[in-house]
Protein backbone atom coordinates (compact mmCIF):
# COMPACT_ATOMS: atom_id res chain seq x y z
CA MET A 1 -29.57 13.87 -58.41
CA GLN A 2 -27.80 15.32 -55.47
CA THR A 3 -27.66 19.09 -54.86
CA ASN A 4 -24.42 20.78 -55.74
CA VAL A 5 -25.43 24.45 -55.52
CA GLY A 6 -25.10 26.01 -51.89
CA SER A 7 -27.12 28.84 -50.40
CA VAL A 8 -24.79 31.67 -51.26
CA ASP A 9 -24.50 30.38 -54.86
CA ARG A 10 -28.27 30.26 -55.14
CA ILE A 11 -28.68 33.82 -54.12
CA VAL A 12 -25.94 35.03 -56.61
CA ARG A 13 -27.60 32.98 -59.39
CA VAL A 14 -31.03 34.36 -58.65
CA VAL A 15 -29.78 38.06 -58.43
CA GLY A 16 -27.76 37.61 -61.65
CA GLY A 17 -30.63 35.94 -63.52
CA VAL A 18 -33.17 38.65 -62.50
CA ALA A 19 -30.72 41.40 -63.67
CA LEU A 20 -30.32 39.70 -67.03
CA ILE A 21 -34.00 39.27 -67.53
CA ALA A 22 -34.56 42.97 -66.40
CA LEU A 23 -31.97 44.14 -68.85
CA ALA A 24 -33.52 42.14 -71.63
CA ALA A 25 -36.90 43.43 -70.80
CA THR A 26 -35.84 47.10 -71.06
CA GLY A 27 -34.02 46.35 -74.41
CA THR A 28 -30.54 47.22 -73.01
CA VAL A 29 -28.92 43.80 -73.75
CA GLY A 30 -31.34 42.28 -76.34
CA ALA A 31 -33.19 39.10 -76.39
CA TRP A 32 -30.16 37.06 -75.24
CA GLY A 33 -30.74 38.37 -71.73
CA TYR A 34 -33.60 36.06 -71.20
CA ILE A 35 -30.96 33.28 -70.83
CA GLY A 36 -31.20 34.63 -67.21
CA ILE A 37 -33.90 32.01 -66.67
CA VAL A 38 -31.16 29.33 -66.61
CA PRO A 39 -29.49 30.47 -63.40
CA ILE A 40 -32.70 31.00 -61.76
CA LEU A 41 -33.92 27.38 -62.49
CA THR A 42 -30.53 25.95 -61.33
CA ALA A 43 -30.94 27.90 -58.21
CA ALA A 44 -34.52 26.65 -57.79
CA ILE A 45 -33.61 22.99 -58.14
CA GLY A 46 -30.27 23.20 -56.28
CA TRP A 47 -28.38 21.48 -59.15
CA CYS A 48 -26.15 22.58 -61.85
CA PRO A 49 -25.10 20.33 -64.64
CA ALA A 50 -22.12 22.37 -65.43
CA TYR A 51 -20.58 21.48 -62.14
CA LEU A 52 -20.64 17.79 -62.82
CA PRO A 53 -17.61 17.41 -65.13
CA PHE A 54 -15.42 19.42 -62.71
CA GLY A 55 -16.67 17.83 -59.46
CA ILE A 56 -17.69 21.17 -58.19
CA SER A 57 -20.07 21.48 -55.23
CA THR A 58 -20.76 24.81 -53.28
CA CYS A 59 -22.91 22.95 -50.67
CA LYS A 60 -21.61 22.62 -47.07
CA THR A 61 -20.11 19.23 -46.32
CA LYS A 62 -21.52 17.17 -43.47
CA ASN A 63 -18.85 16.26 -40.78
């Protein structure tokens, strides 16, 4: 499994995931907000399965 999530992408995923979980915990968006765990997990492992079919990678390329 090769990483396809770069550092800026990871930061955005963590911030968005934490925001969704916080909104769910306060009752603002309901229980579906706990789906924020998914972007946090993909940021933690550095791999996003949704990027595979499109060939997307936000990692810096080696020259």
